[in-house]
Amino acid sequence: MAYKSLLTVHSVSDGIETLNPILELANSMDVHLDIVVLGVLLPPPATVYGTFPGDYWRENNEHVFSDAKARAEAIENIVQDRGLSASVISECVDRGAIDRAISPYALCSDLCVLPKFVVSENSAIEKVFNGILFSTGRPLLLLGTEAFDLDAIKSMIVAWDGGAEAASAAHLALPLLQKAKDVHVVMVDPKPLENGGHSGDDIAVYLARHDLKVTVDRIPDDGMSVGQALLQHTVNTNANLLVMGAYGHSRIREWLLGGATQEILDTAELPILMAH
């Protein structure tokens, strides 16, 4: 099934140019794009000494609403000039309510798209990222600053560890995987299967039934972390997209001990499709 609708969330604190790769992707895919313009409100002051805190809170939030409205109008003009099928929605919410505000939009979209560097730099968009992954089950495509040219796709990598997160990512990425000439199922230091089979053959057969040309790559870590080994393999295969499950371990464990998800988010240069 092809993607028919995309969702992106754009913070008023980010430059409008961060939307360009996403707008170009929506145009090349000929899909509808929902753009949520996000403004982050200050929560009401718990204690008011005199009038200054309350006045500051009110004035700040009035600016947030007006900035979000102005940014939404500017984006409306851009999508109209480009002839895109798009809806622009403004959402101004308290930081603690971001995931609840965005989840309904994600649940009614085929694919969510965010600029990868914005996820790393903007804490509000990081909350959007986590909310979509953990609350909606929707796939997330993280783009760089360059356009993601679907017609130029040659090779894609599916990171495979046999877990539910990796399987979800592979299933949800099928419309993009079908654009590739070659799909590599990649495992880092896989353990032998108890039944004597080979790791990765099961998902490779599944993908091949969708008319994909699949190669199974079982690679050593060569002293690198799993994330580093995967990223090095994307270079070795000239991959245009990395498909992977996100947070196979808990976020707390990844924060304490490190993990492939965070490492790849921080260092990958190619587009990544993640699902949990």
Protein backbone atom coordinates (compact mmCIF):
# COMPACT_ATOMS: atom_id res chain seq x y z
CA MET A 1 0.00 0.00 0.00
CA ALA A 2 1.44 3.35 -1.02
CA TYR A 3 1.60 6.27 1.38
CA LYS A 4 -1.19 8.77 0.78
CA SER A 5 -0.75 11.18 3.68
CA LEU A 6 2.26 12.63 5.47
CA LEU A 7 2.47 14.59 8.71
CA THR A 8 5.14 17.00 9.83
CA VAL A 9 5.34 19.23 12.90
CA HIS A 10 7.07 22.59 12.57
CA SER A 11 8.09 24.67 15.58
CA VAL A 12 7.76 28.45 15.34
CA SER A 13 11.22 28.65 16.95
CA ASP A 14 12.80 26.98 13.89
CA GLY A 15 13.50 28.57 10.54
CA ILE A 16 10.82 28.10 7.91
CA GLU A 17 13.50 26.75 5.56
CA THR A 18 13.65 23.54 7.63
CA LEU A 19 10.41 22.56 5.89
CA ASN A 20 11.94 22.59 2.40
CA PRO A 21 13.08 18.92 2.21
CA ILE A 22 9.69 17.81 3.54
CA LEU A 23 7.75 19.91 1.05
CA GLU A 24 9.91 18.53 -1.77
CA LEU A 25 9.30 14.98 -0.55
CA ALA A 26 5.51 15.48 -0.44
CA ASN A 27 5.62 16.89 -3.96
CA SER A 28 7.71 13.99 -5.32
CA MET A 29 5.43 11.40 -3.63
CA ASP A 30 2.25 13.18 -4.80
CA VAL A 31 0.64 12.85 -1.37
CA HIS A 32 -1.28 15.10 1.00
CA LEU A 33 0.81 16.78 3.68
CA ASP A 34 -0.52 17.90 7.06
CA ILE A 35 1.68 20.56 8.66
CA VAL A 36 1.17 21.28 12.34
CA VAL A 37 2.70 24.60 13.39
CA LEU A 38 3.66 24.18 17.03
CA GLY A 39 3.85 26.98 19.58
CA VAL A 40 4.91 26.15 23.14
CA LEU A 41 3.01 28.03 25.85
CA LEU A 42 4.29 28.85 29.30
CA PRO A 43 2.31 27.04 32.00
CA PRO A 44 0.29 29.28 34.34
CA PRO A 45 2.44 30.60 37.20
CA ALA A 46 1.94 28.58 40.37
CA THR A 47 2.47 31.62 42.58
CA VAL A 48 1.97 35.25 41.67
CA TYR A 49 3.87 37.93 43.60
CA GLY A 50 2.25 41.19 42.55
CA THR A 51 1.26 41.41 38.89
CA PHE A 52 4.54 40.86 37.02
CA PRO A 53 4.57 37.03 36.70
CA GLY A 54 0.95 36.87 35.59
CA ASP A 55 1.43 39.72 33.12
CA TYR A 56 4.61 38.15 31.76
CA TRP A 57 2.88 34.79 31.33
CA ARG A 58 -0.07 36.38 29.54
CA GLU A 59 2.09 38.54 27.28
CA ASN A 60 4.41 35.64 26.38
CA ASN A 61 1.55 33.35 25.43
CA GLU A 62 -0.13 36.06 23.37
CA HIS A 63 3.11 36.31 21.39
CA VAL A 64 3.18 32.52 20.96
CA PHE A 65 -0.34 32.50 19.50
CA SER A 66 0.38 35.43 17.18
CA ASP A 67 3.71 33.96 16.04
CA ALA A 68 2.10 30.59 15.31
CA LYS A 69 -0.70 32.25 13.34
CA ALA A 70 1.77 34.32 11.31
CA ARG A 71 3.99 31.29 10.62
CA ALA A 72 0.98 29.20 9.55
CA GLU A 73 -0.09 31.94 7.13
CA ALA A 74 3.44 32.11 5.67
CA ILE A 75 3.50 28.33 5.19
CA GLU A 76 0.04 28.44 3.59
CA ASN A 77 1.40 30.87 1.01
CA ILE A 78 4.39 28.63 0.30
CA VAL A 79 2.37 25.46 -0.23
CA GLN A 80 -0.10 27.33 -2.45
CA ASP A 81 2.74 28.74 -4.55
CA ARG A 82 4.13 25.21 -4.97
CA GLY A 83 0.73 23.73 -5.80
CA LEU A 84 0.93 21.17 -3.00
CA SER A 85 -1.99 19.32 -1.45
CA ALA A 86 -1.49 20.42 2.14
CA SER A 87 -3.30 21.45 5.30
CA VAL A 88 -1.69 23.84 7.78
CA ILE A 89 -2.88 23.62 11.38
CA SER A 90 -1.76 25.73 14.33
CA GLU A 91 -1.39 24.13 17.78
CA CYS A 92 -0.27 26.15 20.81
CA VAL A 93 0.05 24.00 23.92
CA ASP A 94 1.92 23.65 27.18
CA ARG A 95 5.16 21.68 26.82
CA GLY A 96 3.74 18.86 28.90
CA ALA A 97 0.81 18.41 26.51
CA ILE A 98 2.78 18.28 23.25
CA ASP A 99 2.56 14.52 22.73
CA ARG A 100 -1.18 14.46 23.51
CA ALA A 101 -1.80 17.33 21.07
CA ILE A 102 0.17 15.80 18.19
CA SER A 103 -0.80 12.13 18.55
CA PRO A 104 -4.30 12.48 16.98
CA TYR A 105 -2.75 13.90 13.82
CA ALA A 106 -0.14 11.13 13.65
CA LEU A 107 -2.75 8.41 14.14
CA CYS A 108 -4.47 9.55 10.94
CA SER A 109 -1.29 9.73 8.84
CA ASP A 110 0.63 7.08 6.92
CA LEU A 111 4.06 8.50 7.63
CA CYS A 112 5.41 11.22 9.91
CA VAL A 113 8.39 13.24 8.71
CA LEU A 114 10.73 15.43 10.76
CA PRO A 115 14.09 17.12 10.11
CA LYS A 116 16.61 14.97 11.99
CA PHE A 117 18.80 17.83 13.17
CA VAL A 118 15.76 19.66 14.56
CA VAL A 119 14.88 16.61 16.69
CA SER A 120 18.37 16.81 18.19
CA GLU A 121 18.35 20.57 18.74
CA ASN A 122 14.76 21.49 19.65
CA SER A 123 13.42 19.94 22.85
CA ALA A 124 9.79 20.52 21.80
CA ILE A 125 10.30 18.60 18.54
CA GLU A 126 12.13 15.90 20.48
CA LYS A 127 8.93 15.50 22.52
CA VAL A 128 7.01 15.25 19.24
CA PHE A 129 9.43 12.55 18.09
CA ASN A 130 9.05 10.52 21.29
CA GLY A 131 5.29 10.99 21.42
CA ILE A 132 4.79 9.72 17.87
CA LEU A 133 7.07 6.73 18.40
CA PHE A 134 5.66 5.59 21.72
CA SER A 135 2.01 6.69 21.53
CA THR A 136 0.92 6.11 17.95
CA GLY A 137 2.80 3.23 16.33
CA ARG A 138 3.31 5.37 13.22
CA PRO A 139 6.62 5.29 11.35
CA LEU A 140 8.88 8.32 11.49
CA LEU A 141 11.10 9.41 8.62
CA LEU A 142 13.96 11.66 9.69
CA LEU A 143 15.46 13.76 6.90
CA GLY A 144 18.67 15.72 6.59
CA THR A 145 19.01 19.16 5.08
CA GLU A 146 19.05 17.82 1.52
CA ALA A 147 16.02 16.67 -0.48
CA PHE A 148 15.22 12.95 -0.31
CA ASP A 149 15.10 12.10 -4.01
CA LEU A 150 12.94 8.98 -4.38
CA ASP A 151 13.91 8.56 -8.02
CA ALA A 152 17.59 8.40 -7.11
CA ILE A 153 17.22 5.65 -4.51
CA LYS A 154 19.42 2.65 -5.18
CA SER A 155 20.16 0.89 -1.92
CA MET A 156 18.40 0.69 1.44
CA ILE A 157 19.36 -1.02 4.67
CA VAL A 158 16.99 -2.77 7.07
CA ALA A 159 18.64 -3.20 10.47
CA TRP A 160 17.48 -6.54 11.85
CA ASP A 161 17.76 -8.07 15.30
CA GLY A 162 14.66 -10.26 15.25
CA GLY A 163 12.78 -7.92 17.61
CA ALA A 164 9.28 -6.48 17.35
CA GLU A 165 10.58 -2.94 16.83
CA ALA A 166 12.72 -3.96 13.84
CA ALA A 167 9.82 -5.95 12.38
CA SER A 168 7.46 -3.00 12.76
CA ALA A 169 9.93 -0.72 10.97
CA ALA A 170 10.38 -3.20 8.09
CA HIS A 171 6.61 -3.61 7.62
CA LEU A 172 5.86 0.11 7.76
CA ALA A 173 8.74 1.00 5.43
CA LEU A 174 7.55 -1.21 2.56
CA PRO A 175 6.29 1.63 0.33
CA LEU A 176 9.78 3.18 0.47
CA LEU A 177 11.67 -0.12 0.27
CA GLN A 178 9.85 -0.89 -2.96
CA LYS A 179 11.54 2.16 -4.51
CA ALA A 180 15.00 0.64 -4.00
CA LYS A 181 16.95 -1.47 -6.46
CA ASP A 182 18.62 -3.36 -3.61
CA VAL A 183 17.60 -3.97 0.00
CA HIS A 184 20.18 -5.16 2.51
CA VAL A 185 19.00 -6.90 5.68
CA VAL A 186 21.86 -6.20 8.07
CA MET A 187 22.71 -7.87 11.37
CA VAL A 188 25.67 -7.03 13.58
CA ASP A 189 27.28 -10.10 15.16
CA PRO A 190 24.11 -12.24 14.96
CA LYS A 191 23.84 -15.30 17.18
CA PRO A 192 23.20 -18.73 15.59
CA LEU A 193 19.56 -19.82 15.66
CA GLU A 194 18.59 -22.78 17.84
CA ASN A 195 16.88 -24.53 14.91
CA GLY A 196 20.03 -24.38 12.83
CA GLY A 197 18.73 -21.70 10.46
CA HIS A 198 20.45 -18.46 9.59
CA SER A 199 19.59 -15.16 11.24
CA GLY A 200 17.79 -12.79 8.91
CA ASP A 201 16.55 -15.36 6.42
CA ASP A 202 12.99 -15.08 7.76
CA ILE A 203 12.61 -11.33 7.20
CA ALA A 204 14.50 -11.59 3.90
CA VAL A 205 11.95 -14.12 2.62
CA TYR A 206 9.11 -11.86 3.75
CA LEU A 207 10.57 -8.87 1.92
CA ALA A 208 11.29 -10.94 -1.19
CA ARG A 209 7.60 -11.87 -1.36
CA HIS A 210 6.99 -8.17 -1.87
CA ASP A 211 9.12 -8.32 -5.01
CA LEU A 212 12.20 -6.79 -3.38
CA LYS A 213 15.74 -7.78 -4.31
CA VAL A 214 17.13 -8.69 -0.89
CA THR A 215 20.66 -9.44 0.31
CA VAL A 216 21.37 -10.62 3.86
CA ASP A 217 24.52 -9.08 5.34
CA ARG A 218 25.81 -10.56 8.61
CA ILE A 219 28.60 -8.24 9.64
CA PRO A 220 31.10 -8.22 12.53
CA ASP A 221 31.30 -5.21 14.77
CA ASP A 222 35.10 -4.92 14.31
CA GLY A 223 35.36 -3.31 17.72
CA MET A 224 32.64 -0.75 17.00
CA SER A 225 29.28 -0.29 18.68
CA VAL A 226 26.20 -1.64 16.90
CA GLY A 227 25.24 1.86 15.83
CA GLN A 228 28.69 2.62 14.46
CA ALA A 229 28.82 -0.71 12.59
CA LEU A 230 25.41 -0.06 10.99
CA LEU A 231 26.38 3.44 9.92
CA GLN A 232 29.67 2.22 8.48
CA HIS A 233 27.75 -0.38 6.48
CA THR A 234 25.48 2.32 5.07
CA VAL A 235 28.64 3.96 3.72
CA ASN A 236 30.02 0.66 2.37
CA THR A 237 26.78 -0.05 0.47
CA ASN A 238 26.07 3.57 -0.59
CA ALA A 239 22.70 3.28 1.13
CA ASN A 240 20.11 6.02 0.66
CA LEU A 241 17.95 5.06 3.66
CA LEU A 242 18.36 3.20 6.95
CA VAL A 243 15.27 1.42 8.30
CA MET A 244 15.44 0.42 11.96
CA GLY A 245 13.43 -0.25 15.08
CA ALA A 246 13.75 2.45 17.71
CA TYR A 247 14.47 1.86 21.39
CA GLY A 248 14.49 -1.93 21.52
CA HIS A 249 15.69 -1.33 25.07
CA SER A 250 14.05 1.15 27.42
CA ARG A 251 14.93 4.81 26.97
CA ILE A 252 16.33 4.85 30.53
CA ARG A 253 18.66 1.95 29.72
CA GLU A 254 19.75 3.65 26.49
CA TRP A 255 20.40 6.88 28.40
CA LEU A 256 22.44 5.11 31.09
CA LEU A 257 24.32 2.57 28.98
CA GLY A 258 24.09 3.94 25.48
CA GLY A 259 22.25 2.38 22.56
CA ALA A 260 22.04 2.20 18.80
CA THR A 261 18.96 4.42 18.57
CA GLN A 262 20.44 7.49 20.24
CA GLU A 263 23.84 7.04 18.66
CA ILE A 264 22.36 6.88 15.16
CA LEU A 265 20.10 9.87 15.86
CA ASP A 266 23.14 11.87 16.92
CA THR A 267 25.53 10.90 14.12
CA ALA A 268 23.75 9.55 11.02
CA GLU A 269 23.92 11.66 7.87
CA LEU A 270 21.50 9.67 5.70
CA PRO A 271 17.69 9.62 6.10
CA ILE A 272 16.36 7.17 8.69
CA LEU A 273 12.97 5.52 9.03
CA MET A 274 12.23 4.47 12.60
CA ALA A 275 9.33 2.68 14.26
CA HIS A 276 8.77 1.29 17.75
